Amino acid sequence: MKKIQTMQELLAYMVGKDLPDELKATAKDKIKAVQECNDGGASAHLVIARTKEEAAEVEKEFKISSYNPEVNEFFKAGNGEWWWHRVYVFSDDGSGLIYFERTPLLS
Protein backbone atom coordinates (compact mmCIF):
# COMPACT_ATOMS: atom_id res chain seq x y z
CA MET A 1 0.00 0.00 0.00
CA LYS A 2 1.32 3.40 -0.96
CA LYS A 3 0.01 6.38 0.99
CA ILE A 4 0.02 9.37 -1.34
CA GLN A 5 0.00 13.00 -0.21
CA THR A 6 1.11 15.05 -3.23
CA MET A 7 0.56 15.23 -6.97
CA GLN A 8 4.21 14.33 -7.51
CA GLU A 9 3.84 11.17 -5.42
CA LEU A 10 0.67 10.25 -7.29
CA LEU A 11 2.27 10.71 -10.71
CA ALA A 12 5.29 8.65 -9.65
CA TYR A 13 2.99 5.90 -8.31
CA MET A 14 1.00 5.71 -11.56
CA VAL A 15 4.07 5.29 -13.80
CA GLY A 16 4.08 1.73 -15.12
CA LYS A 17 0.84 0.78 -13.35
CA ASP A 18 -1.96 -0.68 -15.43
CA LEU A 19 -4.65 1.67 -14.13
CA PRO A 20 -7.69 2.79 -16.13
CA ASP A 21 -7.72 6.34 -17.45
CA GLU A 22 -10.87 7.21 -15.49
CA LEU A 23 -9.20 6.24 -12.22
CA LYS A 24 -6.06 8.21 -13.07
CA ALA A 25 -8.09 11.33 -13.91
CA THR A 26 -10.23 11.08 -10.78
CA ALA A 27 -7.21 10.49 -8.54
CA LYS A 28 -5.43 13.51 -10.05
CA ASP A 29 -8.48 15.62 -9.29
CA LYS A 30 -8.90 14.30 -5.71
CA ILE A 31 -5.22 14.63 -4.70
CA LYS A 32 -5.73 18.39 -4.69
CA ALA A 33 -8.04 18.07 -1.66
CA VAL A 34 -5.45 15.90 0.11
CA GLN A 35 -2.75 18.50 -0.49
CA GLU A 36 -4.99 21.32 0.76
CA CYS A 37 -5.78 19.43 3.96
CA ASN A 38 -2.12 18.69 4.59
CA ASP A 39 -1.14 22.30 3.87
CA GLY A 40 -3.61 23.27 6.61
CA GLY A 41 -1.96 20.99 9.16
CA ALA A 42 -4.09 17.85 8.77
CA SER A 43 -2.90 14.35 7.92
CA ALA A 44 -4.67 13.25 4.76
CA HIS A 45 -3.80 10.54 2.25
CA LEU A 46 -4.97 9.07 -1.03
CA VAL A 47 -4.69 5.30 -1.42
CA ILE A 48 -5.40 3.04 -4.39
CA ALA A 49 -5.92 -0.64 -3.52
CA ARG A 50 -5.96 -3.17 -6.34
CA THR A 51 -5.30 -6.35 -4.37
CA LYS A 52 -6.71 -8.09 -1.30
CA GLU A 53 -3.35 -7.57 0.41
CA GLU A 54 -3.41 -3.81 -0.19
CA ALA A 55 -7.01 -3.55 1.06
CA ALA A 56 -6.07 -5.48 4.21
CA GLU A 57 -3.18 -3.05 4.81
CA VAL A 58 -5.58 -0.08 4.48
CA GLU A 59 -7.94 -1.64 7.01
CA LYS A 60 -5.09 -2.44 9.40
CA GLU A 61 -3.65 1.08 9.31
CA PHE A 62 -6.78 3.24 9.02
CA LYS A 63 -9.49 0.92 10.47
CA ILE A 64 -11.93 2.20 7.85
CA SER A 65 -14.56 -0.42 8.72
CA SER A 66 -15.23 1.54 11.93
CA TYR A 67 -16.06 4.76 9.99
CA ASN A 68 -18.91 5.80 7.74
CA PRO A 69 -17.58 7.29 4.51
CA GLU A 70 -18.58 10.83 3.55
CA VAL A 71 -18.52 9.74 -0.10
CA ASN A 72 -19.38 6.18 -1.11
CA GLU A 73 -19.74 5.55 -4.83
CA PHE A 74 -18.86 3.10 -7.59
CA PHE A 75 -17.75 3.87 -11.12
CA LYS A 76 -17.07 1.73 -14.14
CA ALA A 77 -13.89 2.42 -16.06
CA GLY A 78 -13.64 2.19 -19.83
CA ASN A 79 -11.73 -1.09 -19.55
CA GLY A 80 -14.69 -2.70 -17.74
CA GLU A 81 -13.22 -2.57 -14.24
CA TRP A 82 -15.36 -1.35 -11.36
CA TRP A 83 -13.84 0.92 -8.72
CA TRP A 84 -15.18 1.87 -5.30
CA HIS A 85 -14.42 5.48 -4.32
CA ARG A 86 -14.76 6.41 -0.64
CA VAL A 87 -13.80 9.47 1.37
CA TYR A 88 -13.25 9.19 5.11
CA VAL A 89 -12.89 12.18 7.42
CA PHE A 90 -11.23 11.18 10.68
CA SER A 91 -11.19 14.51 12.51
CA ASP A 92 -12.38 18.11 12.33
CA ASP A 93 -8.94 19.31 11.17
CA GLY A 94 -9.44 17.57 7.82
CA SER A 95 -7.40 14.46 8.50
CA GLY A 96 -8.72 11.61 6.44
CA LEU A 97 -8.45 9.27 3.52
CA ILE A 98 -9.52 9.29 -0.11
CA TYR A 99 -9.68 5.63 -0.99
CA PHE A 100 -10.06 3.85 -4.31
CA GLU A 101 -10.56 0.08 -4.28
CA ARG A 102 -10.82 -2.19 -7.31
CA THR A 103 -13.99 -4.30 -7.21
CA PRO A 104 -13.46 -7.20 -7.10
CA LEU A 105 -10.00 -7.05 -5.61
CA LEU A 106 -7.27 -9.02 -7.32
CA SER A 107 -5.64 -11.90 -5.46
C-alpha atoms as a PDB file:
ATOM      1  CA  MET A   1       0.000   0.000   0.000  1.00  0.00           C
ATOM      2  CA  LYS A   2       1.323   3.400  -0.964  1.00  0.00           C
ATOM      3  CA  LYS A   3       0.008   6.382   0.991  1.00  0.00           C
ATOM      4  CA  ILE A   4       0.025   9.373  -1.339  1.00  0.00           C
ATOM      5  CA  GLN A   5      -0.004  13.004  -0.208  1.00  0.00           C
ATOM      6  CA  THR A   6       1.109  15.053  -3.229  1.00  0.00           C
ATOM      7  CA  MET A   7       0.558  15.231  -6.973  1.00  0.00           C
ATOM      8  CA  GLN A   8       4.214  14.332  -7.514  1.00  0.00           C
ATOM      9  CA  GLU A   9       3.844  11.165  -5.416  1.00  0.00           C
ATOM     10  CA  LEU A  10       0.669  10.247  -7.294  1.00  0.00           C
ATOM     11  CA  LEU A  11       2.267  10.712 -10.709  1.00  0.00           C
ATOM     12  CA  ALA A  12       5.294   8.646  -9.655  1.00  0.00           C
ATOM     13  CA  TYR A  13       2.992   5.901  -8.312  1.00  0.00           C
ATOM     14  CA  MET A  14       1.005   5.708 -11.558  1.00  0.00           C
ATOM     15  CA  VAL A  15       4.073   5.285 -13.799  1.00  0.00           C
ATOM     16  CA  GLY A  16       4.080   1.734 -15.118  1.00  0.00           C
ATOM     17  CA  LYS A  17       0.844   0.785 -13.355  1.00  0.00           C
ATOM     18  CA  ASP A  18      -1.965  -0.678 -15.427  1.00  0.00           C
ATOM     19  CA  LEU A  19      -4.653   1.673 -14.134  1.00  0.00           C
ATOM     20  CA  PRO A  20      -7.686   2.787 -16.134  1.00  0.00           C
ATOM     21  CA  ASP A  21      -7.717   6.344 -17.454  1.00  0.00           C
ATOM     22  CA  GLU A  22     -10.874   7.209 -15.492  1.00  0.00           C
ATOM     23  CA  LEU A  23      -9.196   6.241 -12.220  1.00  0.00           C
ATOM     24  CA  LYS A  24      -6.062   8.212 -13.069  1.00  0.00           C
ATOM     25  CA  ALA A  25      -8.092  11.326 -13.913  1.00  0.00           C
ATOM     26  CA  THR A  26     -10.232  11.076 -10.780  1.00  0.00           C
ATOM     27  CA  ALA A  27      -7.213  10.486  -8.541  1.00  0.00           C
ATOM     28  CA  LYS A  28      -5.427  13.510 -10.049  1.00  0.00           C
ATOM     29  CA  ASP A  29      -8.482  15.619  -9.285  1.00  0.00           C
ATOM     30  CA  LYS A  30      -8.898  14.300  -5.715  1.00  0.00           C
ATOM     31  CA  ILE A  31      -5.225  14.629  -4.700  1.00  0.00           C
ATOM     32  CA  LYS A  32      -5.734  18.393  -4.688  1.00  0.00           C
ATOM     33  CA  ALA A  33      -8.037  18.073  -1.662  1.00  0.00           C
ATOM     34  CA  VAL A  34      -5.452  15.901   0.111  1.00  0.00           C
ATOM     35  CA  GLN A  35      -2.749  18.504  -0.488  1.00  0.00           C
ATOM     36  CA  GLU A  36      -4.993  21.322   0.759  1.00  0.00           C
ATOM     37  CA  CYS A  37      -5.785  19.429   3.964  1.00  0.00           C
ATOM     38  CA  ASN A  38      -2.119  18.688   4.588  1.00  0.00           C
ATOM     39  CA  ASP A  39      -1.137  22.299   3.870  1.00  0.00           C
ATOM     40  CA  GLY A  40      -3.606  23.267   6.612  1.00  0.00           C
ATOM     41  CA  GLY A  41      -1.962  20.986   9.164  1.00  0.00           C
ATOM     42  CA  ALA A  42      -4.087  17.855   8.768  1.00  0.00           C
ATOM     43  CA  SER A  43      -2.902  14.350   7.923  1.00  0.00           C
ATOM     44  CA  ALA A  44      -4.671  13.249   4.755  1.00  0.00           C
ATOM     45  CA  HIS A  45      -3.799  10.541   2.249  1.00  0.00           C
ATOM     46  CA  LEU A  46      -4.967   9.067  -1.032  1.00  0.00           C
ATOM     47  CA  VAL A  47      -4.691   5.299  -1.421  1.00  0.00           C
ATOM     48  CA  ILE A  48      -5.402   3.042  -4.385  1.00  0.00           C
ATOM     49  CA  ALA A  49      -5.921  -0.640  -3.523  1.00  0.00           C
ATOM     50  CA  ARG A  50      -5.962  -3.165  -6.340  1.00  0.00           C
ATOM     51  CA  THR A  51      -5.298  -6.350  -4.365  1.00  0.00           C
ATOM     52  CA  LYS A  52      -6.709  -8.086  -1.301  1.00  0.00           C
ATOM     53  CA  GLU A  53      -3.351  -7.567   0.407  1.00  0.00           C
ATOM     54  CA  GLU A  54      -3.413  -3.807  -0.195  1.00  0.00           C
ATOM     55  CA  ALA A  55      -7.015  -3.549   1.058  1.00  0.00           C
ATOM     56  CA  ALA A  56      -6.070  -5.476   4.206  1.00  0.00           C
ATOM     57  CA  GLU A  57      -3.181  -3.050   4.809  1.00  0.00           C
ATOM     58  CA  VAL A  58      -5.575  -0.084   4.476  1.00  0.00           C
ATOM     59  CA  GLU A  59      -7.943  -1.642   7.012  1.00  0.00           C
ATOM     60  CA  LYS A  60      -5.093  -2.443   9.401  1.00  0.00           C
ATOM     61  CA  GLU A  61      -3.654   1.084   9.307  1.00  0.00           C
ATOM     62  CA  PHE A  62      -6.776   3.237   9.019  1.00  0.00           C
ATOM     63  CA  LYS A  63      -9.491   0.924  10.465  1.00  0.00           C
ATOM     64  CA  ILE A  64     -11.929   2.200   7.852  1.00  0.00           C
ATOM     65  CA  SER A  65     -14.556  -0.415   8.724  1.00  0.00           C
ATOM     66  CA  SER A  66     -15.226   1.542  11.926  1.00  0.00           C
ATOM     67  CA  TYR A  67     -16.064   4.759   9.990  1.00  0.00           C
ATOM     68  CA  ASN A  68     -18.907   5.798   7.742  1.00  0.00           C
ATOM     69  CA  PRO A  69     -17.582   7.288   4.512  1.00  0.00           C
ATOM     70  CA  GLU A  70     -18.577  10.826   3.552  1.00  0.00           C
ATOM     71  CA  VAL A  71     -18.518   9.739  -0.100  1.00  0.00           C
ATOM     72  CA  ASN A  72     -19.376   6.181  -1.114  1.00  0.00           C
ATOM     73  CA  GLU A  73     -19.740   5.552  -4.835  1.00  0.00           C
ATOM     74  CA  PHE A  74     -18.860   3.105  -7.588  1.00  0.00           C
ATOM     75  CA  PHE A  75     -17.753   3.875 -11.116  1.00  0.00           C
ATOM     76  CA  LYS A  76     -17.065   1.726 -14.139  1.00  0.00           C
ATOM     77  CA  ALA A  77     -13.892   2.416 -16.064  1.00  0.00           C
ATOM     78  CA  GLY A  78     -13.641   2.185 -19.831  1.00  0.00           C
ATOM     79  CA  ASN A  79     -11.726  -1.090 -19.554  1.00  0.00           C
ATOM     80  CA  GLY A  80     -14.693  -2.701 -17.742  1.00  0.00           C
ATOM     81  CA  GLU A  81     -13.220  -2.569 -14.236  1.00  0.00           C
ATOM     82  CA  TRP A  82     -15.364  -1.354 -11.357  1.00  0.00           C
ATOM     83  CA  TRP A  83     -13.840   0.924  -8.716  1.00  0.00           C
ATOM     84  CA  TRP A  84     -15.181   1.868  -5.303  1.00  0.00           C
ATOM     85  CA  HIS A  85     -14.425   5.476  -4.320  1.00  0.00           C
ATOM     86  CA  ARG A  86     -14.765   6.409  -0.641  1.00  0.00           C
ATOM     87  CA  VAL A  87     -13.799   9.475   1.368  1.00  0.00           C
ATOM     88  CA  TYR A  88     -13.252   9.187   5.109  1.00  0.00           C
ATOM     89  CA  VAL A  89     -12.887  12.180   7.421  1.00  0.00           C
ATOM     90  CA  PHE A  90     -11.226  11.176  10.679  1.00  0.00           C
ATOM     91  CA  SER A  91     -11.195  14.509  12.507  1.00  0.00           C
ATOM     92  CA  ASP A  92     -12.379  18.107  12.331  1.00  0.00           C
ATOM     93  CA  ASP A  93      -8.939  19.308  11.172  1.00  0.00           C
ATOM     94  CA  GLY A  94      -9.443  17.574   7.818  1.00  0.00           C
ATOM     95  CA  SER A  95      -7.404  14.456   8.497  1.00  0.00           C
ATOM     96  CA  GLY A  96      -8.718  11.613   6.440  1.00  0.00           C
ATOM     97  CA  LEU A  97      -8.449   9.266   3.521  1.00  0.00           C
ATOM     98  CA  ILE A  98      -9.516   9.295  -0.108  1.00  0.00           C
ATOM     99  CA  TYR A  99      -9.677   5.631  -0.993  1.00  0.00           C
ATOM    100  CA  PHE A 100     -10.058   3.846  -4.314  1.00  0.00           C
ATOM    101  CA  GLU A 101     -10.564   0.080  -4.281  1.00  0.00           C
ATOM    102  CA  ARG A 102     -10.822  -2.193  -7.309  1.00  0.00           C
ATOM    103  CA  THR A 103     -13.990  -4.302  -7.207  1.00  0.00           C
ATOM    104  CA  PRO A 104     -13.462  -7.197  -7.104  1.00  0.00           C
ATOM    105  CA  LEU A 105      -9.997  -7.051  -5.606  1.00  0.00           C
ATOM    106  CA  LEU A 106      -7.267  -9.016  -7.316  1.00  0.00           C
ATOM    107  CA  SER A 107      -5.641 -11.903  -5.461  1.00  0.00           C
END
